[in-house]
Amino acid sequence: MCLTGSESPVVVVLSGSMEPGFKRGDILFLHMSKAPVRIGEIVVYNVEGRPVPIVHRVIEVHEEENNGNVDILPKGDANPLDDRSLYANGQHWLKPQQIIGRAVALRDNSG
């Protein structure tokens, strides 16, 4: 945790939503950065009411320069739609404070 800045520095991909880039069983090492989240980046985030973090790619970022507000929209590479259906009722964007890490991947090629 001290080196990565992430509360959960290692996660395992549990679904096929990021295939073919990441498969079930792939291990992701997470880090946190003070740099802004950018389109194309893989983030791991928590959503209210869901016990397991979600690993998806950022497809939209909206930054308001005047107030520092940032809205993020991820999507699983294999999913037809963005992640809005996964959010709490009434939530339309992911907030930076919901992100628990940014992914650096190592693939499990054993099987």
N, C-alpha and C. Protein backbone atom coordinates (compact mmCIF):
# COMPACT_ATOMS: atom_id res chain seq x y z
N MET A 1 0.82 -1.19 0.00
CA MET A 1 0.00 0.00 0.00
C MET A 1 0.86 1.26 0.00
N CYS A 2 1.94 1.25 0.77
CA CYS A 2 2.79 2.44 0.85
C CYS A 2 3.45 2.74 -0.48
N LEU A 3 3.86 1.72 -1.21
CA LEU A 3 4.55 1.93 -2.48
C LEU A 3 3.60 2.29 -3.62
N THR A 4 2.42 1.70 -3.63
CA THR A 4 1.50 1.89 -4.76
C THR A 4 0.51 3.03 -4.57
N GLY A 5 0.22 3.36 -3.30
CA GLY A 5 -0.77 4.38 -3.02
C GLY A 5 -2.19 3.89 -3.16
N SER A 6 -2.37 2.59 -3.41
CA SER A 6 -3.70 2.00 -3.59
C SER A 6 -4.07 1.19 -2.36
N GLU A 7 -5.33 1.30 -1.95
CA GLU A 7 -5.80 0.52 -0.80
C GLU A 7 -5.86 -0.97 -1.10
N SER A 8 -5.92 -1.31 -2.37
CA SER A 8 -5.94 -2.71 -2.80
C SER A 8 -4.96 -2.85 -3.96
N PRO A 9 -3.66 -3.09 -3.67
CA PRO A 9 -2.65 -3.04 -4.74
C PRO A 9 -2.67 -4.19 -5.74
N VAL A 10 -3.42 -5.27 -5.46
CA VAL A 10 -3.49 -6.40 -6.39
C VAL A 10 -4.94 -6.85 -6.49
N VAL A 11 -5.43 -7.04 -7.73
CA VAL A 11 -6.76 -7.60 -7.95
C VAL A 11 -6.68 -8.66 -9.04
N VAL A 12 -7.65 -9.55 -9.03
CA VAL A 12 -7.76 -10.58 -10.05
C VAL A 12 -9.00 -10.29 -10.88
N VAL A 13 -8.88 -10.38 -12.19
CA VAL A 13 -10.02 -10.17 -13.08
C VAL A 13 -10.99 -11.34 -12.89
N LEU A 14 -12.26 -11.02 -12.60
CA LEU A 14 -13.25 -12.05 -12.29
C LEU A 14 -14.25 -12.31 -13.40
N SER A 15 -14.33 -11.42 -14.39
CA SER A 15 -15.32 -11.61 -15.46
C SER A 15 -14.65 -11.47 -16.82
N GLY A 16 -15.42 -11.70 -17.86
CA GLY A 16 -14.91 -11.58 -19.22
C GLY A 16 -15.18 -10.22 -19.85
N SER A 17 -15.54 -9.23 -19.05
CA SER A 17 -15.93 -7.93 -19.60
C SER A 17 -14.78 -7.16 -20.24
N MET A 18 -13.54 -7.54 -19.98
CA MET A 18 -12.39 -6.84 -20.56
C MET A 18 -11.66 -7.67 -21.62
N GLU A 19 -12.26 -8.78 -22.03
CA GLU A 19 -11.63 -9.60 -23.07
C GLU A 19 -11.67 -8.88 -24.41
N PRO A 20 -10.70 -9.04 -25.25
CA PRO A 20 -9.59 -9.98 -25.17
C PRO A 20 -8.38 -9.43 -24.42
N GLY A 21 -8.40 -8.14 -24.02
CA GLY A 21 -7.25 -7.54 -23.35
C GLY A 21 -6.89 -8.21 -22.04
N PHE A 22 -7.90 -8.43 -21.20
CA PHE A 22 -7.71 -9.11 -19.92
C PHE A 22 -8.71 -10.25 -19.84
N LYS A 23 -8.26 -11.39 -19.35
CA LYS A 23 -9.12 -12.55 -19.21
C LYS A 23 -9.33 -12.88 -17.75
N ARG A 24 -10.34 -13.70 -17.47
CA ARG A 24 -10.56 -14.16 -16.10
C ARG A 24 -9.27 -14.79 -15.58
N GLY A 25 -8.91 -14.42 -14.37
CA GLY A 25 -7.70 -14.96 -13.76
C GLY A 25 -6.47 -14.09 -13.94
N ASP A 26 -6.53 -13.11 -14.84
CA ASP A 26 -5.39 -12.20 -14.98
C ASP A 26 -5.22 -11.40 -13.69
N ILE A 27 -3.98 -11.13 -13.36
CA ILE A 27 -3.65 -10.39 -12.15
C ILE A 27 -3.31 -8.95 -12.55
N LEU A 28 -3.92 -8.01 -11.86
CA LEU A 28 -3.63 -6.60 -12.11
C LEU A 28 -2.98 -6.01 -10.87
N PHE A 29 -1.87 -5.36 -11.07
CA PHE A 29 -1.25 -4.61 -10.01
C PHE A 29 -1.71 -3.17 -10.15
N LEU A 30 -2.13 -2.59 -9.04
CA LEU A 30 -2.71 -1.25 -9.07
C LEU A 30 -1.77 -0.22 -8.47
N HIS A 31 -1.84 0.97 -9.00
CA HIS A 31 -1.14 2.10 -8.43
C HIS A 31 -2.08 3.29 -8.47
N MET A 32 -1.79 4.27 -7.67
CA MET A 32 -2.54 5.52 -7.71
C MET A 32 -1.58 6.60 -8.15
N SER A 33 -2.09 7.52 -8.92
CA SER A 33 -1.28 8.61 -9.43
C SER A 33 -2.04 9.90 -9.23
N LYS A 34 -1.31 10.97 -9.04
CA LYS A 34 -1.95 12.28 -8.92
C LYS A 34 -2.28 12.85 -10.30
N ALA A 35 -1.76 12.23 -11.35
CA ALA A 35 -2.05 12.67 -12.71
C ALA A 35 -3.53 12.47 -13.01
N PRO A 36 -4.11 13.32 -13.83
CA PRO A 36 -5.53 13.16 -14.18
C PRO A 36 -5.80 11.83 -14.88
N VAL A 37 -6.98 11.28 -14.65
CA VAL A 37 -7.41 10.07 -15.35
C VAL A 37 -7.64 10.43 -16.81
N ARG A 38 -7.19 9.56 -17.71
CA ARG A 38 -7.28 9.82 -19.13
C ARG A 38 -8.03 8.72 -19.87
N ILE A 39 -8.60 9.05 -21.01
CA ILE A 39 -9.28 8.08 -21.86
C ILE A 39 -8.28 6.99 -22.24
N GLY A 40 -8.75 5.75 -22.20
CA GLY A 40 -7.93 4.60 -22.53
C GLY A 40 -7.29 3.92 -21.34
N GLU A 41 -7.25 4.61 -20.22
CA GLU A 41 -6.64 4.06 -19.01
C GLU A 41 -7.57 3.00 -18.38
N ILE A 42 -6.97 1.95 -17.82
CA ILE A 42 -7.73 0.92 -17.12
C ILE A 42 -7.79 1.31 -15.65
N VAL A 43 -9.01 1.44 -15.13
CA VAL A 43 -9.19 1.79 -13.72
C VAL A 43 -9.97 0.69 -13.01
N VAL A 44 -9.74 0.60 -11.71
CA VAL A 44 -10.48 -0.30 -10.85
C VAL A 44 -11.23 0.58 -9.87
N TYR A 45 -12.54 0.37 -9.79
CA TYR A 45 -13.35 1.26 -8.96
C TYR A 45 -14.43 0.51 -8.21
N ASN A 46 -14.89 1.17 -7.15
CA ASN A 46 -15.99 0.65 -6.34
C ASN A 46 -17.26 1.43 -6.64
N VAL A 47 -18.37 0.73 -6.58
CA VAL A 47 -19.69 1.34 -6.76
C VAL A 47 -20.53 0.96 -5.55
N GLU A 48 -21.26 1.94 -5.05
CA GLU A 48 -22.14 1.71 -3.91
C GLU A 48 -23.07 0.53 -4.19
N GLY A 49 -23.17 -0.40 -3.23
CA GLY A 49 -24.05 -1.54 -3.37
C GLY A 49 -23.43 -2.75 -4.07
N ARG A 50 -22.20 -2.63 -4.52
CA ARG A 50 -21.51 -3.75 -5.18
C ARG A 50 -20.29 -4.12 -4.35
N PRO A 51 -20.20 -5.37 -3.91
CA PRO A 51 -19.11 -5.77 -3.02
C PRO A 51 -17.76 -5.97 -3.72
N VAL A 52 -17.76 -6.15 -5.04
CA VAL A 52 -16.54 -6.46 -5.77
C VAL A 52 -16.16 -5.28 -6.66
N PRO A 53 -14.91 -4.84 -6.63
CA PRO A 53 -14.49 -3.75 -7.51
C PRO A 53 -14.62 -4.12 -8.98
N ILE A 54 -14.77 -3.12 -9.83
CA ILE A 54 -14.95 -3.31 -11.27
C ILE A 54 -13.68 -2.83 -11.98
N VAL A 55 -13.25 -3.60 -12.98
CA VAL A 55 -12.07 -3.28 -13.78
C VAL A 55 -12.53 -2.96 -15.19
N HIS A 56 -12.45 -1.68 -15.59
CA HIS A 56 -12.88 -1.29 -16.93
C HIS A 56 -12.03 -0.14 -17.47
N ARG A 57 -12.14 0.10 -18.76
CA ARG A 57 -11.37 1.13 -19.46
C ARG A 57 -12.16 2.45 -19.50
N VAL A 58 -11.48 3.55 -19.28
CA VAL A 58 -12.09 4.88 -19.34
C VAL A 58 -12.35 5.25 -20.80
N ILE A 59 -13.61 5.60 -21.10
CA ILE A 59 -13.97 5.98 -22.48
C ILE A 59 -14.32 7.46 -22.60
N GLU A 60 -14.61 8.12 -21.46
CA GLU A 60 -14.92 9.56 -21.48
C GLU A 60 -14.43 10.19 -20.18
N VAL A 61 -13.92 11.41 -20.29
CA VAL A 61 -13.54 12.20 -19.12
C VAL A 61 -13.99 13.63 -19.38
N HIS A 62 -14.69 14.20 -18.42
CA HIS A 62 -15.12 15.60 -18.50
C HIS A 62 -14.54 16.33 -17.30
N GLU A 63 -13.73 17.34 -17.57
CA GLU A 63 -13.10 18.13 -16.51
C GLU A 63 -13.59 19.56 -16.60
N GLU A 64 -14.04 20.09 -15.46
CA GLU A 64 -14.46 21.48 -15.40
C GLU A 64 -13.31 22.28 -14.77
N GLU A 65 -12.66 23.09 -15.57
CA GLU A 65 -11.50 23.84 -15.11
C GLU A 65 -11.82 24.83 -14.00
N ASN A 66 -13.01 25.42 -14.03
CA ASN A 66 -13.34 26.45 -13.06
C ASN A 66 -13.57 25.92 -11.64
N ASN A 67 -13.98 24.65 -11.51
CA ASN A 67 -14.25 24.13 -10.16
C ASN A 67 -13.53 22.81 -9.85
N GLY A 68 -12.78 22.27 -10.80
CA GLY A 68 -12.03 21.04 -10.56
C GLY A 68 -12.86 19.77 -10.59
N ASN A 69 -14.15 19.87 -10.92
CA ASN A 69 -15.01 18.70 -10.98
C ASN A 69 -14.60 17.81 -12.15
N VAL A 70 -14.51 16.51 -11.90
CA VAL A 70 -14.15 15.55 -12.94
C VAL A 70 -15.20 14.44 -12.98
N ASP A 71 -15.72 14.17 -14.17
CA ASP A 71 -16.66 13.08 -14.40
C ASP A 71 -15.98 12.07 -15.31
N ILE A 72 -16.10 10.78 -14.95
CA ILE A 72 -15.43 9.71 -15.68
C ILE A 72 -16.46 8.68 -16.09
N LEU A 73 -16.31 8.14 -17.30
CA LEU A 73 -17.20 7.08 -17.77
C LEU A 73 -16.37 5.92 -18.29
N PRO A 74 -16.38 4.77 -17.58
CA PRO A 74 -15.68 3.58 -18.06
C PRO A 74 -16.64 2.62 -18.77
N LYS A 75 -16.03 1.62 -19.41
CA LYS A 75 -16.78 0.58 -20.12
C LYS A 75 -15.88 -0.63 -20.23
N GLY A 76 -16.46 -1.81 -20.08
CA GLY A 76 -15.72 -3.04 -20.33
C GLY A 76 -15.49 -3.19 -21.82
N ASP A 77 -14.29 -3.58 -22.22
CA ASP A 77 -13.96 -3.71 -23.65
C ASP A 77 -14.92 -4.64 -24.38
N ALA A 78 -15.38 -5.69 -23.72
CA ALA A 78 -16.27 -6.67 -24.36
C ALA A 78 -17.75 -6.33 -24.19
N ASN A 79 -18.04 -5.28 -23.46
CA ASN A 79 -19.43 -4.91 -23.20
C ASN A 79 -19.96 -3.98 -24.29
N PRO A 80 -21.23 -4.13 -24.68
CA PRO A 80 -21.80 -3.27 -25.71
C PRO A 80 -22.10 -1.85 -25.21
N LEU A 81 -22.33 -1.70 -23.90
CA LEU A 81 -22.72 -0.41 -23.33
C LEU A 81 -21.74 0.03 -22.25
N ASP A 82 -21.76 1.34 -21.95
CA ASP A 82 -20.92 1.87 -20.89
C ASP A 82 -21.42 1.38 -19.52
N ASP A 83 -20.75 1.81 -18.46
CA ASP A 83 -21.00 1.28 -17.11
C ASP A 83 -22.13 1.94 -16.33
N ARG A 84 -22.86 2.85 -16.94
CA ARG A 84 -23.89 3.56 -16.19
C ARG A 84 -24.91 2.63 -15.52
N SER A 85 -25.18 1.50 -16.12
CA SER A 85 -26.15 0.57 -15.53
C SER A 85 -25.60 -0.08 -14.25
N LEU A 86 -24.32 0.01 -14.00
CA LEU A 86 -23.70 -0.56 -12.80
C LEU A 86 -23.72 0.40 -11.62
N TYR A 87 -23.93 1.68 -11.88
CA TYR A 87 -23.85 2.70 -10.84
C TYR A 87 -25.08 2.69 -9.95
N ALA A 88 -24.96 3.37 -8.82
CA ALA A 88 -26.08 3.54 -7.91
C ALA A 88 -27.18 4.32 -8.63
N ASN A 89 -28.40 4.12 -8.21
CA ASN A 89 -29.55 4.79 -8.82
C ASN A 89 -29.34 6.30 -8.83
N GLY A 90 -29.49 6.91 -9.99
CA GLY A 90 -29.34 8.35 -10.12
C GLY A 90 -27.93 8.82 -10.42
N GLN A 91 -26.95 7.93 -10.34
CA GLN A 91 -25.57 8.29 -10.65
C GLN A 91 -25.32 8.10 -12.14
N HIS A 92 -24.71 9.09 -12.78
CA HIS A 92 -24.45 9.02 -14.22
C HIS A 92 -22.98 9.00 -14.57
N TRP A 93 -22.13 9.38 -13.61
CA TRP A 93 -20.69 9.45 -13.84
C TRP A 93 -19.94 8.86 -12.66
N LEU A 94 -18.78 8.35 -12.93
CA LEU A 94 -17.87 7.88 -11.90
C LEU A 94 -17.06 9.09 -11.43
N LYS A 95 -16.80 9.16 -10.14
CA LYS A 95 -16.00 10.25 -9.57
C LYS A 95 -14.61 9.72 -9.23
N PRO A 96 -13.59 10.56 -9.32
CA PRO A 96 -12.22 10.10 -9.05
C PRO A 96 -12.05 9.41 -7.69
N GLN A 97 -12.79 9.84 -6.68
CA GLN A 97 -12.66 9.24 -5.35
C GLN A 97 -13.18 7.79 -5.30
N GLN A 98 -13.91 7.35 -6.32
CA GLN A 98 -14.37 5.96 -6.37
C GLN A 98 -13.31 5.02 -6.94
N ILE A 99 -12.30 5.58 -7.57
CA ILE A 99 -11.23 4.77 -8.16
C ILE A 99 -10.28 4.33 -7.07
N ILE A 100 -10.05 3.00 -7.00
CA ILE A 100 -9.13 2.47 -5.99
C ILE A 100 -7.76 2.16 -6.57
N GLY A 101 -7.64 2.23 -7.89
CA GLY A 101 -6.35 1.99 -8.51
C GLY A 101 -6.40 2.08 -10.01
N ARG A 102 -5.21 2.21 -10.58
CA ARG A 102 -5.01 2.21 -12.02
C ARG A 102 -4.19 0.98 -12.34
N ALA A 103 -4.54 0.27 -13.37
CA ALA A 103 -4.00 -1.07 -13.61
C ALA A 103 -2.67 -1.10 -14.33
N VAL A 104 -1.84 -2.03 -13.86
CA VAL A 104 -0.64 -2.50 -14.52
C VAL A 104 -0.81 -4.01 -14.52
N ALA A 105 -0.85 -4.66 -15.68
CA ALA A 105 -1.27 -6.07 -15.76
C ALA A 105 -0.13 -7.04 -15.91
N LEU A 106 -0.33 -8.22 -15.34
CA LEU A 106 0.49 -9.40 -15.58
C LEU A 106 -0.49 -10.53 -15.88
N ARG A 107 -0.35 -11.17 -16.98
CA ARG A 107 -1.29 -12.21 -17.40
C ARG A 107 -0.89 -13.56 -16.82
N ASP A 108 -1.89 -14.32 -16.38
CA ASP A 108 -1.70 -15.69 -15.95
C ASP A 108 -1.81 -16.57 -17.18
N ASN A 109 -0.67 -17.01 -17.71
CA ASN A 109 -0.65 -17.82 -18.93
C ASN A 109 -0.60 -19.31 -18.65
N SER A 110 -0.91 -19.71 -17.44
CA SER A 110 -0.80 -21.12 -17.07
C SER A 110 -1.94 -21.96 -17.59
N GLY A 111 -3.05 -21.36 -17.99
CA GLY A 111 -4.14 -22.22 -18.37
C GLY A 111 -4.99 -21.64 -19.36
